[in-house]
């Protein structure tokens, strides 16, 4: 693959791969380092890429491996332990990550069918008990439990699937 085609694929997919790296690496700075390293490794190995359609997943796989290596390296574990012990974790980055996660969950809840959204919001957002939510909805406790389980499964599926750029 020539360098121009590689650059075009990087431009097209790097943002989604970066978002995956943030989730895998846990911190934006680590994700940026992992993405840069992954791009370098991918460029070197680009002749091995069989299909341009597989580029995004291929780059993601490389990135996940880089993140895993970064976090499992003995020296990195020492640095992370020291940072946590001395409260040096970047709270701004954590707040940003939490805001992104909240937005993803909110978007997933909005995709739920109304029959599941109401029980999910009552129990998992408003922290109402299942019996109380069932009474408010005028349904049996068994029906409420069933709907809540289905709602939770659907939210997980939406978060694992296409919601929030995955």
C-alpha atoms as a PDB file:
ATOM      1  CA  UNK A   1       0.000   0.000   0.000  1.00  0.00           C
ATOM      2  CA  UNK A   2       1.385   3.395  -0.924  1.00  0.00           C
ATOM      3  CA  UNK A   3       1.817   6.145   1.662  1.00  0.00           C
ATOM      4  CA  UNK A   4      -0.945   8.350   0.175  1.00  0.00           C
ATOM      5  CA  UNK A   5      -3.535   5.582   0.485  1.00  0.00           C
ATOM      6  CA  UNK A   6      -2.324   4.810   4.021  1.00  0.00           C
ATOM      7  CA  UNK A   7      -2.712   8.488   4.982  1.00  0.00           C
ATOM      8  CA  UNK A   8      -6.240   8.566   3.555  1.00  0.00           C
ATOM      9  CA  UNK A   9      -7.216   5.517   5.596  1.00  0.00           C
ATOM     10  CA  UNK A  10      -5.675   7.018   8.731  1.00  0.00           C
ATOM     11  CA  UNK A  11      -7.611  10.269   8.256  1.00  0.00           C
ATOM     12  CA  UNK A  12     -10.808   8.305   7.801  1.00  0.00           C
ATOM     13  CA  UNK A  13     -10.441   5.996  10.817  1.00  0.00           C
ATOM     14  CA  UNK A  14      -8.106   7.567  13.376  1.00  0.00           C
ATOM     15  CA  UNK A  15     -10.832   9.318  15.407  1.00  0.00           C
ATOM     16  CA  UNK A  16     -12.851   6.157  15.987  1.00  0.00           C
ATOM     17  CA  UNK A  17      -9.704   4.185  16.788  1.00  0.00           C
ATOM     18  CA  UNK A  18      -8.607   6.950  19.179  1.00  0.00           C
ATOM     19  CA  UNK A  19     -11.944   6.697  21.038  1.00  0.00           C
ATOM     20  CA  UNK A  20     -11.355   2.971  21.417  1.00  0.00           C
ATOM     21  CA  UNK A  21      -7.847   3.629  22.706  1.00  0.00           C
ATOM     22  CA  UNK A  22      -9.251   6.024  25.338  1.00  0.00           C
ATOM     23  CA  UNK A  23     -11.530   3.249  26.587  1.00  0.00           C
ATOM     24  CA  UNK A  24      -8.780   0.627  26.554  1.00  0.00           C
ATOM     25  CA  UNK A  25      -5.959   2.779  27.938  1.00  0.00           C
ATOM     26  CA  UNK A  26      -8.190   4.716  30.389  1.00  0.00           C
ATOM     27  CA  UNK A  27      -6.425   8.061  29.868  1.00  0.00           C
ATOM     28  CA  UNK A  28      -6.306  10.413  26.908  1.00  0.00           C
ATOM     29  CA  UNK A  29      -2.549  10.875  27.079  1.00  0.00           C
ATOM     30  CA  UNK A  30      -1.953   7.108  27.049  1.00  0.00           C
ATOM     31  CA  UNK A  31      -4.424   6.777  24.180  1.00  0.00           C
ATOM     32  CA  UNK A  32      -2.573   9.430  22.189  1.00  0.00           C
ATOM     33  CA  UNK A  33       0.737   7.639  22.759  1.00  0.00           C
ATOM     34  CA  UNK A  34      -0.821   4.291  21.872  1.00  0.00           C
ATOM     35  CA  UNK A  35      -2.373   5.680  18.697  1.00  0.00           C
ATOM     36  CA  UNK A  36       0.917   7.239  17.573  1.00  0.00           C
ATOM     37  CA  UNK A  37       2.779   3.993  18.218  1.00  0.00           C
ATOM     38  CA  UNK A  38       0.017   1.994  16.506  1.00  0.00           C
ATOM     39  CA  UNK A  39       0.142   4.193  13.416  1.00  0.00           C
ATOM     40  CA  UNK A  40       3.891   3.740  13.157  1.00  0.00           C
ATOM     41  CA  UNK A  41       3.588  -0.042  13.537  1.00  0.00           C
ATOM     42  CA  UNK A  42       0.693  -0.165  11.076  1.00  0.00           C
ATOM     43  CA  UNK A  43       2.620   1.824   8.475  1.00  0.00           C
ATOM     44  CA  UNK A  44       5.557  -0.555   8.755  1.00  0.00           C
ATOM     45  CA  UNK A  45       3.239  -3.558   8.417  1.00  0.00           C
ATOM     46  CA  UNK A  46       0.913  -2.050   5.793  1.00  0.00           C
ATOM     47  CA  UNK A  47       2.113  -4.382   3.012  1.00  0.00           C
ATOM     48  CA  UNK A  48       0.620  -7.235   5.063  1.00  0.00           C
ATOM     49  CA  UNK A  49      -2.869  -5.661   5.107  1.00  0.00           C
ATOM     50  CA  UNK A  50      -5.001  -7.769   2.799  1.00  0.00           C
ATOM     51  CA  UNK A  51      -8.040  -5.495   2.543  1.00  0.00           C
ATOM     52  CA  UNK A  52      -8.521  -1.768   3.011  1.00  0.00           C
ATOM     53  CA  UNK A  53     -11.982  -2.523   4.440  1.00  0.00           C
ATOM     54  CA  UNK A  54     -10.258  -4.230   7.372  1.00  0.00           C
ATOM     55  CA  UNK A  55      -8.015  -1.233   8.121  1.00  0.00           C
ATOM     56  CA  UNK A  56     -10.027   0.131  11.059  1.00  0.00           C
ATOM     57  CA  UNK A  57     -10.296  -3.173  12.910  1.00  0.00           C
ATOM     58  CA  UNK A  58      -6.666  -3.976  12.085  1.00  0.00           C
ATOM     59  CA  UNK A  59      -5.474  -0.646  13.489  1.00  0.00           C
ATOM     60  CA  UNK A  60      -7.743  -1.088  16.542  1.00  0.00           C
ATOM     61  CA  UNK A  61      -6.220  -4.490  17.228  1.00  0.00           C
ATOM     62  CA  UNK A  62      -2.716  -3.070  17.004  1.00  0.00           C
ATOM     63  CA  UNK A  63      -3.743  -0.205  19.304  1.00  0.00           C
ATOM     64  CA  UNK A  64      -5.280  -2.504  21.917  1.00  0.00           C
ATOM     65  CA  UNK A  65      -2.091  -4.543  21.999  1.00  0.00           C
ATOM     66  CA  UNK A  66      -0.007  -1.395  22.417  1.00  0.00           C
ATOM     67  CA  UNK A  67      -2.242  -0.219  25.310  1.00  0.00           C
ATOM     68  CA  UNK A  68      -2.018  -3.610  26.961  1.00  0.00           C
ATOM     69  CA  UNK A  69       1.771  -3.620  26.664  1.00  0.00           C
ATOM     70  CA  UNK A  70       1.999  -0.067  28.006  1.00  0.00           C
ATOM     71  CA  UNK A  71      -0.108  -0.911  31.057  1.00  0.00           C
ATOM     72  CA  UNK A  72       1.550  -4.255  31.755  1.00  0.00           C
ATOM     73  CA  UNK A  73       5.134  -3.022  31.486  1.00  0.00           C
ATOM     74  CA  UNK A  74       6.722  -3.231  34.977  1.00  0.00           C
ATOM     75  CA  UNK A  75       7.969   0.357  34.879  1.00  0.00           C
ATOM     76  CA  UNK A  76       4.537   1.622  33.822  1.00  0.00           C
ATOM     77  CA  UNK A  77       2.874  -0.207  36.722  1.00  0.00           C
ATOM     78  CA  UNK A  78       5.263   1.556  39.107  1.00  0.00           C
ATOM     79  CA  UNK A  79       4.456   4.960  37.589  1.00  0.00           C
ATOM     80  CA  UNK A  80       0.693   4.337  37.727  1.00  0.00           C
ATOM     81  CA  UNK A  81       0.880   3.143  41.330  1.00  0.00           C
ATOM     82  CA  UNK A  82       2.890   6.230  42.304  1.00  0.00           C
ATOM     83  CA  UNK A  83       0.459   8.562  40.519  1.00  0.00           C
ATOM     84  CA  UNK A  84      -2.536   7.003  42.233  1.00  0.00           C
ATOM     85  CA  UNK A  85      -0.819   6.940  45.633  1.00  0.00           C
ATOM     86  CA  UNK A  86       0.093  10.635  45.393  1.00  0.00           C
ATOM     87  CA  UNK A  87      -3.222  11.643  43.823  1.00  0.00           C
ATOM     88  CA  UNK A  88      -1.543  12.801  40.617  1.00  0.00           C
ATOM     89  CA  UNK A  89      -4.241  11.430  38.334  1.00  0.00           C
ATOM     90  CA  UNK A  90      -5.493  13.991  35.833  1.00  0.00           C
ATOM     91  CA  UNK A  91      -8.944  14.766  37.222  1.00  0.00           C
ATOM     92  CA  UNK A  92      -9.785  16.941  34.223  1.00  0.00           C
ATOM     93  CA  UNK A  93      -9.205  14.033  31.866  1.00  0.00           C
ATOM     94  CA  UNK A  94     -11.223  11.756  34.150  1.00  0.00           C
ATOM     95  CA  UNK A  95     -14.070  14.285  34.256  1.00  0.00           C
ATOM     96  CA  UNK A  96     -13.972  14.483  30.454  1.00  0.00           C
ATOM     97  CA  UNK A  97     -14.088  10.688  30.182  1.00  0.00           C
ATOM     98  CA  UNK A  98     -16.998  10.519  32.645  1.00  0.00           C
ATOM     99  CA  UNK A  99     -18.869  13.171  30.644  1.00  0.00           C
ATOM    100  CA  UNK A 100     -18.361  11.151  27.455  1.00  0.00           C
ATOM    101  CA  UNK A 101     -19.543   7.986  29.194  1.00  0.00           C
ATOM    102  CA  UNK A 102     -22.634   9.739  30.572  1.00  0.00           C
ATOM    103  CA  UNK A 103     -23.449  11.007  27.103  1.00  0.00           C
ATOM    104  CA  UNK A 104     -23.117   7.502  25.666  1.00  0.00           C
ATOM    105  CA  UNK A 105     -25.391   6.046  28.343  1.00  0.00           C
ATOM    106  CA  UNK A 106     -27.932   8.830  27.828  1.00  0.00           C
ATOM    107  CA  UNK A 107     -27.918   8.168  24.083  1.00  0.00           C
ATOM    108  CA  UNK A 108     -28.372   4.428  24.681  1.00  0.00           C
ATOM    109  CA  UNK A 109     -31.329   5.093  26.999  1.00  0.00           C
ATOM    110  CA  UNK A 110     -32.910   7.332  24.369  1.00  0.00           C
ATOM    111  CA  UNK A 111     -32.744   4.393  21.916  1.00  0.00           C
ATOM    112  CA  UNK A 112     -34.723   2.138  24.279  1.00  0.00           C
ATOM    113  CA  UNK A 113     -38.335   1.436  23.482  1.00  0.00           C
ATOM    114  CA  UNK A 114     -40.634   3.379  25.863  1.00  0.00           C
ATOM    115  CA  UNK A 115     -41.777   0.194  27.626  1.00  0.00           C
ATOM    116  CA  UNK A 116     -38.164  -0.471  28.672  1.00  0.00           C
ATOM    117  CA  UNK A 117     -37.001   3.132  29.044  1.00  0.00           C
ATOM    118  CA  UNK A 118     -39.448   3.930  31.855  1.00  0.00           C
ATOM    119  CA  UNK A 119     -38.483   0.958  34.062  1.00  0.00           C
ATOM    120  CA  UNK A 120     -34.774   1.488  33.345  1.00  0.00           C
ATOM    121  CA  UNK A 121     -34.913   5.176  34.281  1.00  0.00           C
ATOM    122  CA  UNK A 122     -36.943   4.485  37.427  1.00  0.00           C
ATOM    123  CA  UNK A 123     -34.717   1.693  38.733  1.00  0.00           C
ATOM    124  CA  UNK A 124     -31.232   2.428  37.400  1.00  0.00           C
ATOM    125  CA  UNK A 125     -31.282   6.210  37.135  1.00  0.00           C
ATOM    126  CA  UNK A 126     -33.704   7.282  39.876  1.00  0.00           C
ATOM    127  CA  UNK A 127     -32.752   4.283  42.077  1.00  0.00           C
ATOM    128  CA  UNK A 128     -36.344   3.311  42.749  1.00  0.00           C
ATOM    129  CA  UNK A 129     -36.911  -0.271  43.938  1.00  0.00           C
ATOM    130  CA  UNK A 130     -38.435  -2.729  41.485  1.00  0.00           C
ATOM    131  CA  UNK A 131     -41.627  -3.152  43.581  1.00  0.00           C
ATOM    132  CA  UNK A 132     -42.092   0.647  43.796  1.00  0.00           C
ATOM    133  CA  UNK A 133     -41.483   1.071  40.064  1.00  0.00           C
ATOM    134  CA  UNK A 134     -43.934  -1.747  39.314  1.00  0.00           C
ATOM    135  CA  UNK A 135     -46.603  -0.043  41.427  1.00  0.00           C
ATOM    136  CA  UNK A 136     -46.037   3.294  39.685  1.00  0.00           C
ATOM    137  CA  UNK A 137     -46.263   1.646  36.273  1.00  0.00           C
ATOM    138  CA  UNK A 138     -49.270  -0.449  37.252  1.00  0.00           C
ATOM    139  CA  UNK A 139     -47.595  -3.753  36.355  1.00  0.00           C
ATOM    140  CA  UNK A 140     -46.650  -6.863  38.305  1.00  0.00           C
ATOM    141  CA  UNK A 141     -43.293  -7.095  40.008  1.00  0.00           C
ATOM    142  CA  UNK A 142     -42.385 -10.032  37.745  1.00  0.00           C
ATOM    143  CA  UNK A 143     -43.164  -7.949  34.644  1.00  0.00           C
ATOM    144  CA  UNK A 144     -41.083  -5.087  36.027  1.00  0.00           C
ATOM    145  CA  UNK A 145     -38.111  -7.397  36.662  1.00  0.00           C
ATOM    146  CA  UNK A 146     -38.409  -8.869  33.186  1.00  0.00           C
ATOM    147  CA  UNK A 147     -38.566  -5.449  31.533  1.00  0.00           C
ATOM    148  CA  UNK A 148     -35.634  -4.183  33.599  1.00  0.00           C
ATOM    149  CA  UNK A 149     -33.478  -7.170  32.607  1.00  0.00           C
ATOM    150  CA  UNK A 150     -34.339  -6.642  28.938  1.00  0.00           C
ATOM    151  CA  UNK A 151     -33.682  -2.904  29.221  1.00  0.00           C
ATOM    152  CA  UNK A 152     -30.272  -3.483  30.811  1.00  0.00           C
ATOM    153  CA  UNK A 153     -29.345  -6.024  28.141  1.00  0.00           C
ATOM    154  CA  UNK A 154     -30.396  -3.618  25.404  1.00  0.00           C
ATOM    155  CA  UNK A 155     -28.406  -0.738  26.946  1.00  0.00           C
ATOM    156  CA  UNK A 156     -25.318  -2.973  27.142  1.00  0.00           C
ATOM    157  CA  UNK A 157     -25.833  -4.028  23.553  1.00  0.00           C
ATOM    158  CA  UNK A 158     -26.214  -0.426  22.412  1.00  0.00           C
ATOM    159  CA  UNK A 159     -23.096   0.635  24.302  1.00  0.00           C
ATOM    160  CA  UNK A 160     -21.122  -2.260  22.825  1.00  0.00           C
ATOM    161  CA  UNK A 161     -22.522  -1.611  19.359  1.00  0.00           C
ATOM    162  CA  UNK A 162     -22.808   1.494  17.306  1.00  0.00           C
ATOM    163  CA  UNK A 163     -23.758   4.105  19.907  1.00  0.00           C
ATOM    164  CA  UNK A 164     -21.026   6.712  20.541  1.00  0.00           C
ATOM    165  CA  UNK A 165     -18.917   5.885  17.529  1.00  0.00           C
ATOM    166  CA  UNK A 166     -17.921   2.306  18.223  1.00  0.00           C
END
